All heavy atoms as atom14 arrays in JSON, in Angstrom:
{
  "sequence": "RRGFPNLRYYEDMGRSSFRALSDHRLARRYELSPIFETLSQHFE",
  "atom14_mask": [
    [1, 1, 1, 1, 1, 1, 1, 1, 1, 1, 1, 0, 0, 0],
    [1, 1, 1, 1, 1, 1, 1, 1, 1, 1, 1, 0, 0, 0],
    [1, 1, 1, 1, 0, 0, 0, 0, 0, 0, 0, 0, 0, 0],
    [1, 1, 1, 1, 1, 1, 1, 1, 1, 1, 1, 0, 0, 0],
    [1, 1, 1, 1, 1, 1, 1, 0, 0, 0, 0, 0, 0, 0],
    [1, 1, 1, 1, 1, 1, 1, 1, 0, 0, 0, 0, 0, 0],
    [1, 1, 1, 1, 1, 1, 1, 1, 0, 0, 0, 0, 0, 0],
    [1, 1, 1, 1, 1, 1, 1, 1, 1, 1, 1, 0, 0, 0],
    [1, 1, 1, 1, 1, 1, 1, 1, 1, 1, 1, 1, 0, 0],
    [1, 1, 1, 1, 1, 1, 1, 1, 1, 1, 1, 1, 0, 0],
    [1, 1, 1, 1, 1, 1, 1, 1, 1, 0, 0, 0, 0, 0],
    [1, 1, 1, 1, 1, 1, 1, 1, 0, 0, 0, 0, 0, 0],
    [1, 1, 1, 1, 1, 1, 1, 1, 0, 0, 0, 0, 0, 0],
    [1, 1, 1, 1, 0, 0, 0, 0, 0, 0, 0, 0, 0, 0],
    [1, 1, 1, 1, 1, 1, 1, 1, 1, 1, 1, 0, 0, 0],
    [1, 1, 1, 1, 1, 1, 0, 0, 0, 0, 0, 0, 0, 0],
    [1, 1, 1, 1, 1, 1, 0, 0, 0, 0, 0, 0, 0, 0],
    [1, 1, 1, 1, 1, 1, 1, 1, 1, 1, 1, 0, 0, 0],
    [1, 1, 1, 1, 1, 1, 1, 1, 1, 1, 1, 0, 0, 0],
    [1, 1, 1, 1, 1, 0, 0, 0, 0, 0, 0, 0, 0, 0],
    [1, 1, 1, 1, 1, 1, 1, 1, 0, 0, 0, 0, 0, 0],
    [1, 1, 1, 1, 1, 1, 0, 0, 0, 0, 0, 0, 0, 0],
    [1, 1, 1, 1, 1, 1, 1, 1, 0, 0, 0, 0, 0, 0],
    [1, 1, 1, 1, 1, 1, 1, 1, 1, 1, 0, 0, 0, 0],
    [1, 1, 1, 1, 1, 1, 1, 1, 1, 1, 1, 0, 0, 0],
    [1, 1, 1, 1, 1, 1, 1, 1, 0, 0, 0, 0, 0, 0],
    [1, 1, 1, 1, 1, 0, 0, 0, 0, 0, 0, 0, 0, 0],
    [1, 1, 1, 1, 1, 1, 1, 1, 1, 1, 1, 0, 0, 0],
    [1, 1, 1, 1, 1, 1, 1, 1, 1, 1, 1, 0, 0, 0],
    [1, 1, 1, 1, 1, 1, 1, 1, 1, 1, 1, 1, 0, 0],
    [1, 1, 1, 1, 1, 1, 1, 1, 1, 0, 0, 0, 0, 0],
    [1, 1, 1, 1, 1, 1, 1, 1, 0, 0, 0, 0, 0, 0],
    [1, 1, 1, 1, 1, 1, 0, 0, 0, 0, 0, 0, 0, 0],
    [1, 1, 1, 1, 1, 1, 1, 0, 0, 0, 0, 0, 0, 0],
    [1, 1, 1, 1, 1, 1, 1, 1, 0, 0, 0, 0, 0, 0],
    [1, 1, 1, 1, 1, 1, 1, 1, 1, 1, 1, 0, 0, 0],
    [1, 1, 1, 1, 1, 1, 1, 1, 1, 0, 0, 0, 0, 0],
    [1, 1, 1, 1, 1, 1, 1, 0, 0, 0, 0, 0, 0, 0],
    [1, 1, 1, 1, 1, 1, 1, 1, 0, 0, 0, 0, 0, 0],
    [1, 1, 1, 1, 1, 1, 0, 0, 0, 0, 0, 0, 0, 0],
    [1, 1, 1, 1, 1, 1, 1, 1, 1, 0, 0, 0, 0, 0],
    [1, 1, 1, 1, 1, 1, 1, 1, 1, 1, 0, 0, 0, 0],
    [1, 1, 1, 1, 1, 1, 1, 1, 1, 1, 1, 0, 0, 0],
    [1, 1, 1, 1, 1, 1, 1, 1, 1, 0, 0, 0, 0, 0]
  ],
  "atom14_positions": [
    [[40.45, 106.89, 159.22], [40.65, 105.71, 158.37], [42.07, 105.48, 157.98], [42.47, 104.32, 157.74], [39.79, 105.87, 157.12], [38.29, 106.01, 157.41], [37.69, 104.76, 158.05], [36.31, 104.9, 158.32], [35.33, 104.68, 157.44], [35.63, 104.31, 156.19], [34.05, 104.83, 157.8], [0.0, 0.0, 0.0], [0.0, 0.0, 0.0], [0.0, 0.0, 0.0]],
    [[42.86, 106.54, 157.84], [44.19, 106.4, 157.26], [45.34, 106.86, 158.15], [46.51, 106.8, 157.77], [44.25, 107.09, 155.9], [43.17, 106.63, 154.92], [43.35, 107.41, 153.63], [42.22, 107.13, 152.73], [42.1, 107.7, 151.51], [43.04, 108.54, 151.11], [41.1, 107.43, 150.75], [0.0, 0.0, 0.0], [0.0, 0.0, 0.0], [0.0, 0.0, 0.0]],
    [[44.98, 107.42, 159.31], [46.03, 107.88, 160.21], [46.66, 109.22, 159.81], [47.75, 109.54, 160.25], [0.0, 0.0, 0.0], [0.0, 0.0, 0.0], [0.0, 0.0, 0.0], [0.0, 0.0, 0.0], [0.0, 0.0, 0.0], [0.0, 0.0, 0.0], [0.0, 0.0, 0.0], [0.0, 0.0, 0.0], [0.0, 0.0, 0.0], [0.0, 0.0, 0.0]],
    [[45.98, 110.02, 158.99], [46.46, 111.33, 158.63], [46.25, 112.34, 159.75], [45.55, 112.01, 160.7], [45.77, 111.8, 157.33], [46.27, 111.18, 156.08], [45.72, 109.97, 155.6], [47.33, 111.73, 155.34], [46.18, 109.38, 154.45], [47.79, 111.18, 154.2], [47.2, 109.98, 153.72], [0.0, 0.0, 0.0], [0.0, 0.0, 0.0], [0.0, 0.0, 0.0]],
    [[46.85, 113.49, 159.67], [46.68, 114.47, 160.72], [45.21, 114.86, 160.94], [44.44, 114.91, 159.97], [47.49, 115.74, 160.23], [48.5, 115.14, 159.29], [47.84, 113.94, 158.63], [0.0, 0.0, 0.0], [0.0, 0.0, 0.0], [0.0, 0.0, 0.0], [0.0, 0.0, 0.0], [0.0, 0.0, 0.0], [0.0, 0.0, 0.0], [0.0, 0.0, 0.0]],
    [[44.86, 115.1, 162.2], [43.46, 115.47, 162.56], [43.26, 116.97, 162.59], [44.18, 117.77, 162.31], [43.04, 114.81, 163.9], [43.98, 115.24, 165.03], [44.66, 116.24, 164.92], [43.97, 114.47, 166.1], [0.0, 0.0, 0.0], [0.0, 0.0, 0.0], [0.0, 0.0, 0.0], [0.0, 0.0, 0.0], [0.0, 0.0, 0.0], [0.0, 0.0, 0.0]],
    [[42.07, 117.4, 162.94], [41.75, 118.81, 162.97], [42.63, 119.55, 163.97], [43.0, 120.71, 163.71], [40.27, 119.02, 163.3], [39.3, 118.82, 162.18], [37.84, 118.8, 162.67], [39.44, 119.93, 161.07], [0.0, 0.0, 0.0], [0.0, 0.0, 0.0], [0.0, 0.0, 0.0], [0.0, 0.0, 0.0], [0.0, 0.0, 0.0], [0.0, 0.0, 0.0]],
    [[42.92, 118.94, 165.09], [43.76, 119.61, 166.08], [45.15, 119.94, 165.51], [45.7, 120.99, 165.79], [43.89, 118.73, 167.31], [44.82, 119.28, 168.42], [44.35, 120.69, 168.89], [43.02, 120.58, 169.48], [42.79, 120.3, 170.72], [43.79, 120.0, 171.56], [41.54, 120.31, 171.17], [0.0, 0.0, 0.0], [0.0, 0.0, 0.0], [0.0, 0.0, 0.0]],
    [[45.68, 119.04, 164.69], [46.95, 119.29, 164.04], [46.9, 120.55, 163.17], [47.79, 121.39, 163.27], [47.36, 118.07, 163.2], [48.54, 118.3, 162.32], [49.83, 118.12, 162.81], [48.39, 118.63, 160.97], [50.94, 118.29, 162.0], [49.49, 118.81, 160.13], [50.74, 118.65, 160.65], [51.85, 118.82, 159.82], [0.0, 0.0, 0.0], [0.0, 0.0, 0.0]],
    [[45.88, 120.66, 162.37], [45.74, 121.85, 161.48], [45.53, 123.13, 162.3], [46.05, 124.19, 161.97], [44.65, 121.65, 160.49], [44.98, 120.66, 159.4], [44.53, 119.38, 159.42], [45.82, 121.0, 158.34], [44.86, 118.43, 158.45], [46.18, 120.12, 157.33], [45.65, 118.83, 157.4], [46.04, 117.92, 156.42], [0.0, 0.0, 0.0], [0.0, 0.0, 0.0]],
    [[44.75, 123.0, 163.38], [44.56, 124.14, 164.26], [45.89, 124.59, 164.85], [46.21, 125.8, 164.9], [43.58, 123.85, 165.34], [42.14, 123.77, 164.88], [41.18, 123.54, 166.04], [41.66, 123.43, 167.2], [39.97, 123.46, 165.77], [0.0, 0.0, 0.0], [0.0, 0.0, 0.0], [0.0, 0.0, 0.0], [0.0, 0.0, 0.0], [0.0, 0.0, 0.0]],
    [[46.65, 123.68, 165.36], [47.93, 123.99, 165.99], [48.92, 124.58, 164.96], [49.62, 125.57, 165.25], [48.57, 122.75, 166.61], [47.8, 122.28, 167.86], [47.01, 123.07, 168.37], [48.01, 121.13, 168.25], [0.0, 0.0, 0.0], [0.0, 0.0, 0.0], [0.0, 0.0, 0.0], [0.0, 0.0, 0.0], [0.0, 0.0, 0.0], [0.0, 0.0, 0.0]],
    [[48.97, 123.98, 163.76], [49.84, 124.51, 162.73], [49.42, 125.91, 162.3], [50.28, 126.8, 162.13], [49.84, 123.57, 161.53], [50.48, 122.23, 161.78], [52.26, 122.34, 162.16], [52.89, 122.93, 160.6], [0.0, 0.0, 0.0], [0.0, 0.0, 0.0], [0.0, 0.0, 0.0], [0.0, 0.0, 0.0], [0.0, 0.0, 0.0], [0.0, 0.0, 0.0]],
    [[48.15, 126.12, 162.1], [47.68, 127.42, 161.7], [47.89, 128.48, 162.77], [48.38, 129.59, 162.49], [0.0, 0.0, 0.0], [0.0, 0.0, 0.0], [0.0, 0.0, 0.0], [0.0, 0.0, 0.0], [0.0, 0.0, 0.0], [0.0, 0.0, 0.0], [0.0, 0.0, 0.0], [0.0, 0.0, 0.0], [0.0, 0.0, 0.0], [0.0, 0.0, 0.0]],
    [[47.55, 128.12, 164.02], [47.67, 129.06, 165.1], [49.13, 129.5, 165.31], [49.43, 130.68, 165.46], [47.11, 128.43, 166.38], [47.04, 129.41, 167.58], [46.51, 128.69, 168.79], [45.14, 128.23, 168.6], [44.78, 126.94, 168.5], [45.73, 125.98, 168.55], [43.52, 126.63, 168.32], [0.0, 0.0, 0.0], [0.0, 0.0, 0.0], [0.0, 0.0, 0.0]],
    [[50.05, 128.51, 165.32], [51.44, 128.82, 165.58], [52.03, 129.63, 164.43], [52.87, 130.51, 164.65], [52.22, 127.55, 165.83], [52.18, 126.71, 164.71], [0.0, 0.0, 0.0], [0.0, 0.0, 0.0], [0.0, 0.0, 0.0], [0.0, 0.0, 0.0], [0.0, 0.0, 0.0], [0.0, 0.0, 0.0], [0.0, 0.0, 0.0], [0.0, 0.0, 0.0]],
    [[51.64, 129.3, 163.2], [52.14, 130.04, 162.06], [51.7, 131.52, 162.07], [52.5, 132.43, 161.84], [51.68, 129.39, 160.73], [52.25, 128.08, 160.6], [0.0, 0.0, 0.0], [0.0, 0.0, 0.0], [0.0, 0.0, 0.0], [0.0, 0.0, 0.0], [0.0, 0.0, 0.0], [0.0, 0.0, 0.0], [0.0, 0.0, 0.0], [0.0, 0.0, 0.0]],
    [[50.42, 131.74, 162.36], [49.91, 133.14, 162.38], [50.55, 133.88, 163.56], [50.8, 135.09, 163.48], [48.39, 133.13, 162.49], [47.71, 132.81, 161.22], [46.75, 131.8, 161.16], [48.03, 133.48, 160.04], [46.1, 131.52, 159.96], [47.38, 133.19, 158.83], [46.43, 132.18, 158.79], [0.0, 0.0, 0.0], [0.0, 0.0, 0.0], [0.0, 0.0, 0.0]],
    [[50.81, 133.18, 164.66], [51.45, 133.86, 165.82], [52.85, 134.33, 165.46], [53.27, 135.46, 165.76], [51.53, 132.91, 167.01], [52.07, 133.58, 168.27], [52.15, 132.59, 169.42], [50.87, 132.05, 169.75], [50.52, 130.78, 169.64], [51.39, 129.88, 169.16], [49.33, 130.36, 169.97], [0.0, 0.0, 0.0], [0.0, 0.0, 0.0], [0.0, 0.0, 0.0]],
    [[53.59, 133.45, 164.75], [54.97, 133.86, 164.31], [54.9, 134.99, 163.29], [55.79, 135.86, 163.28], [55.67, 132.61, 163.74], [0.0, 0.0, 0.0], [0.0, 0.0, 0.0], [0.0, 0.0, 0.0], [0.0, 0.0, 0.0], [0.0, 0.0, 0.0], [0.0, 0.0, 0.0], [0.0, 0.0, 0.0], [0.0, 0.0, 0.0], [0.0, 0.0, 0.0]],
    [[53.92, 134.93, 162.45], [53.81, 135.96, 161.41], [53.41, 137.32, 161.98], [53.8, 138.38, 161.42], [52.73, 135.57, 160.38], [53.11, 134.46, 159.4], [51.83, 133.99, 158.68], [54.11, 134.98, 158.37], [0.0, 0.0, 0.0], [0.0, 0.0, 0.0], [0.0, 0.0, 0.0], [0.0, 0.0, 0.0], [0.0, 0.0, 0.0], [0.0, 0.0, 0.0]],
    [[52.65, 137.36, 163.04], [52.1, 138.6, 163.57], [53.2, 139.6, 163.92], [52.93, 140.85, 163.87], [51.21, 138.3, 164.76], [51.95, 137.83, 165.83], [0.0, 0.0, 0.0], [0.0, 0.0, 0.0], [0.0, 0.0, 0.0], [0.0, 0.0, 0.0], [0.0, 0.0, 0.0], [0.0, 0.0, 0.0], [0.0, 0.0, 0.0], [0.0, 0.0, 0.0]],
    [[54.39, 139.15, 164.26], [55.44, 140.07, 164.66], [56.53, 140.16, 163.55], [57.58, 140.75, 163.81], [56.05, 139.62, 166.01], [56.91, 140.71, 166.63], [56.45, 141.89, 166.57], [57.95, 140.45, 167.16], [0.0, 0.0, 0.0], [0.0, 0.0, 0.0], [0.0, 0.0, 0.0], [0.0, 0.0, 0.0], [0.0, 0.0, 0.0], [0.0, 0.0, 0.0]],
    [[56.27, 139.62, 162.41], [57.25, 139.65, 161.31], [57.26, 141.03, 160.67], [56.2, 141.66, 160.5], [56.91, 138.57, 160.28], [58.03, 138.27, 159.33], [58.34, 139.1, 158.3], [58.91, 137.23, 159.29], [59.37, 138.59, 157.61], [59.73, 137.45, 158.17], [0.0, 0.0, 0.0], [0.0, 0.0, 0.0], [0.0, 0.0, 0.0], [0.0, 0.0, 0.0]],
    [[58.43, 141.51, 160.31], [58.56, 142.85, 159.71], [57.73, 143.01, 158.46], [57.2, 144.08, 158.17], [60.0, 143.19, 159.44], [60.66, 142.39, 158.3], [62.03, 142.93, 157.93], [62.53, 142.24, 156.75], [62.26, 142.62, 155.5], [61.49, 143.69, 155.28], [62.77, 141.94, 154.49], [0.0, 0.0, 0.0], [0.0, 0.0, 0.0], [0.0, 0.0, 0.0]],
    [[57.62, 141.93, 157.62], [56.81, 142.02, 156.43], [55.35, 142.08, 156.72], [54.59, 142.7, 155.99], [57.16, 140.83, 155.51], [58.56, 140.84, 154.89], [58.77, 139.56, 154.08], [58.76, 142.08, 154.01], [0.0, 0.0, 0.0], [0.0, 0.0, 0.0], [0.0, 0.0, 0.0], [0.0, 0.0, 0.0], [0.0, 0.0, 0.0], [0.0, 0.0, 0.0]],
    [[54.9, 141.46, 157.76], [53.5, 141.58, 158.18], [53.22, 143.02, 158.55], [52.14, 143.57, 158.23], [53.23, 140.64, 159.36], [0.0, 0.0, 0.0], [0.0, 0.0, 0.0], [0.0, 0.0, 0.0], [0.0, 0.0, 0.0], [0.0, 0.0, 0.0], [0.0, 0.0, 0.0], [0.0, 0.0, 0.0], [0.0, 0.0, 0.0], [0.0, 0.0, 0.0]],
    [[54.11, 143.69, 159.24], [53.9, 145.11, 159.58], [53.94, 145.94, 158.32], [53.14, 146.87, 158.16], [55.0, 145.53, 160.56], [54.88, 144.85, 161.95], [55.77, 145.54, 162.98], [57.19, 145.39, 162.65], [57.95, 144.37, 163.07], [57.44, 143.38, 163.78], [59.24, 144.31, 162.72], [0.0, 0.0, 0.0], [0.0, 0.0, 0.0], [0.0, 0.0, 0.0]],
    [[54.86, 145.61, 157.41], [54.97, 146.4, 156.2], [53.7, 146.28, 155.35], [53.2, 147.27, 154.75], [56.15, 145.88, 155.36], [56.27, 146.49, 153.95], [57.44, 145.85, 153.23], [57.5, 146.3, 151.85], [58.36, 145.88, 150.92], [59.27, 144.94, 151.31], [58.32, 146.28, 149.7], [0.0, 0.0, 0.0], [0.0, 0.0, 0.0], [0.0, 0.0, 0.0]],
    [[53.09, 145.09, 155.28], [51.89, 144.88, 154.49], [50.62, 145.16, 155.28], [49.5, 144.9, 154.8], [51.85, 143.43, 153.93], [52.97, 143.08, 153.03], [53.68, 141.89, 153.18], [53.32, 143.93, 151.99], [54.73, 141.54, 152.31], [54.38, 143.61, 151.14], [55.05, 142.41, 151.28], [56.09, 142.09, 150.43], [0.0, 0.0, 0.0], [0.0, 0.0, 0.0]],
    [[50.77, 145.62, 156.52], [49.64, 145.95, 157.39], [48.78, 144.69, 157.66], [47.54, 144.77, 157.7], [48.77, 147.09, 156.78], [49.57, 148.39, 156.61], [48.77, 149.51, 156.08], [47.63, 149.23, 155.56], [49.22, 150.66, 156.14], [0.0, 0.0, 0.0], [0.0, 0.0, 0.0], [0.0, 0.0, 0.0], [0.0, 0.0, 0.0], [0.0, 0.0, 0.0]],
    [[49.42, 143.56, 157.85], [48.75, 142.35, 158.13], [48.89, 141.85, 159.57], [48.26, 140.89, 159.97], [49.25, 141.23, 157.19], [48.94, 141.4, 155.72], [49.71, 140.36, 154.88], [47.43, 141.25, 155.48], [0.0, 0.0, 0.0], [0.0, 0.0, 0.0], [0.0, 0.0, 0.0], [0.0, 0.0, 0.0], [0.0, 0.0, 0.0], [0.0, 0.0, 0.0]],
    [[49.7, 142.57, 160.37], [49.98, 142.12, 161.74], [48.71, 141.93, 162.6], [48.56, 140.93, 163.24], [50.94, 143.08, 162.44], [52.26, 142.92, 161.86], [0.0, 0.0, 0.0], [0.0, 0.0, 0.0], [0.0, 0.0, 0.0], [0.0, 0.0, 0.0], [0.0, 0.0, 0.0], [0.0, 0.0, 0.0], [0.0, 0.0, 0.0], [0.0, 0.0, 0.0]],
    [[47.78, 142.9, 162.54], [46.57, 142.75, 163.36], [45.71, 141.53, 162.95], [45.13, 140.86, 163.77], [45.79, 144.06, 163.13], [46.84, 145.03, 162.72], [47.82, 144.25, 161.91], [0.0, 0.0, 0.0], [0.0, 0.0, 0.0], [0.0, 0.0, 0.0], [0.0, 0.0, 0.0], [0.0, 0.0, 0.0], [0.0, 0.0, 0.0], [0.0, 0.0, 0.0]],
    [[45.69, 141.26, 161.65], [44.94, 140.12, 161.13], [45.57, 138.84, 161.61], [44.87, 137.92, 162.09], [44.82, 140.18, 159.58], [43.96, 141.37, 159.17], [44.25, 138.89, 159.03], [43.97, 141.64, 157.69], [0.0, 0.0, 0.0], [0.0, 0.0, 0.0], [0.0, 0.0, 0.0], [0.0, 0.0, 0.0], [0.0, 0.0, 0.0], [0.0, 0.0, 0.0]],
    [[46.89, 138.71, 161.47], [47.58, 137.52, 161.89], [47.43, 137.3, 163.4], [47.32, 136.17, 163.85], [49.04, 137.58, 161.46], [49.28, 137.49, 159.98], [50.38, 138.1, 159.42], [48.4, 136.84, 159.15], [50.62, 138.07, 158.04], [48.64, 136.75, 157.79], [49.72, 137.36, 157.25], [0.0, 0.0, 0.0], [0.0, 0.0, 0.0], [0.0, 0.0, 0.0]],
    [[47.49, 138.39, 164.14], [47.39, 138.29, 165.58], [45.96, 137.75, 165.95], [45.85, 136.85, 166.8], [47.55, 139.65, 166.23], [47.46, 139.68, 167.75], [48.49, 138.81, 168.48], [49.59, 138.62, 167.88], [48.18, 138.33, 169.58], [0.0, 0.0, 0.0], [0.0, 0.0, 0.0], [0.0, 0.0, 0.0], [0.0, 0.0, 0.0], [0.0, 0.0, 0.0]],
    [[44.95, 138.24, 165.28], [43.59, 137.79, 165.57], [43.43, 136.32, 165.19], [42.84, 135.53, 165.95], [42.55, 138.63, 164.79], [42.67, 140.01, 165.21], [41.11, 138.15, 165.04], [0.0, 0.0, 0.0], [0.0, 0.0, 0.0], [0.0, 0.0, 0.0], [0.0, 0.0, 0.0], [0.0, 0.0, 0.0], [0.0, 0.0, 0.0], [0.0, 0.0, 0.0]],
    [[43.98, 135.92, 164.06], [43.85, 134.52, 163.65], [44.64, 133.58, 164.57], [44.25, 132.44, 164.76], [44.33, 134.36, 162.2], [43.38, 134.96, 161.15], [43.99, 134.87, 159.71], [42.05, 134.17, 161.12], [0.0, 0.0, 0.0], [0.0, 0.0, 0.0], [0.0, 0.0, 0.0], [0.0, 0.0, 0.0], [0.0, 0.0, 0.0], [0.0, 0.0, 0.0]],
    [[45.77, 134.07, 165.11], [46.51, 133.23, 166.07], [45.72, 133.04, 167.34], [45.77, 131.97, 167.96], [47.88, 133.89, 166.33], [47.77, 135.02, 167.19], [0.0, 0.0, 0.0], [0.0, 0.0, 0.0], [0.0, 0.0, 0.0], [0.0, 0.0, 0.0], [0.0, 0.0, 0.0], [0.0, 0.0, 0.0], [0.0, 0.0, 0.0], [0.0, 0.0, 0.0]],
    [[44.97, 134.08, 167.74], [44.22, 133.97, 169.0], [42.87, 133.28, 168.8], [42.39, 132.64, 169.77], [43.95, 135.36, 169.55], [45.25, 136.09, 170.01], [44.95, 137.53, 170.47], [43.84, 138.01, 170.47], [45.97, 138.22, 170.95], [0.0, 0.0, 0.0], [0.0, 0.0, 0.0], [0.0, 0.0, 0.0], [0.0, 0.0, 0.0], [0.0, 0.0, 0.0]],
    [[42.28, 133.37, 167.66], [40.93, 132.87, 167.42], [40.88, 131.95, 166.21], [39.86, 131.93, 165.51], [39.96, 134.05, 167.24], [39.94, 135.02, 168.36], [39.44, 134.67, 169.65], [40.42, 136.32, 168.45], [39.6, 135.72, 170.42], [40.16, 136.73, 169.76], [0.0, 0.0, 0.0], [0.0, 0.0, 0.0], [0.0, 0.0, 0.0], [0.0, 0.0, 0.0]],
    [[41.9, 131.14, 166.02], [41.92, 130.25, 164.86], [40.74, 129.29, 164.91], [40.04, 129.11, 163.89], [43.24, 129.48, 164.83], [43.37, 128.64, 163.57], [44.06, 129.18, 162.47], [42.87, 127.39, 163.46], [44.21, 128.44, 161.28], [42.97, 126.62, 162.28], [43.65, 127.16, 161.2], [0.0, 0.0, 0.0], [0.0, 0.0, 0.0], [0.0, 0.0, 0.0]],
    [[40.5, 128.68, 166.02], [39.41, 127.71, 166.13], [38.05, 128.37, 165.84], [37.2, 127.83, 165.16], [39.35, 127.03, 167.47], [38.29, 125.95, 167.6], [38.24, 125.29, 168.95], [38.81, 125.86, 169.92], [37.66, 124.18, 169.04], [0.0, 0.0, 0.0], [0.0, 0.0, 0.0], [0.0, 0.0, 0.0], [0.0, 0.0, 0.0], [0.0, 0.0, 0.0]]
  ]
}
């Protein structure tokens, strides 16, 4: 109705963000890398 981002946009943003996070040093420090990796692969 209004031309706002669709579900694919949010999927792409979420997937790419989690992919970048999965190899971040703070993700490894907080033991979140495996979670971020899974969410990047299986966001949908």
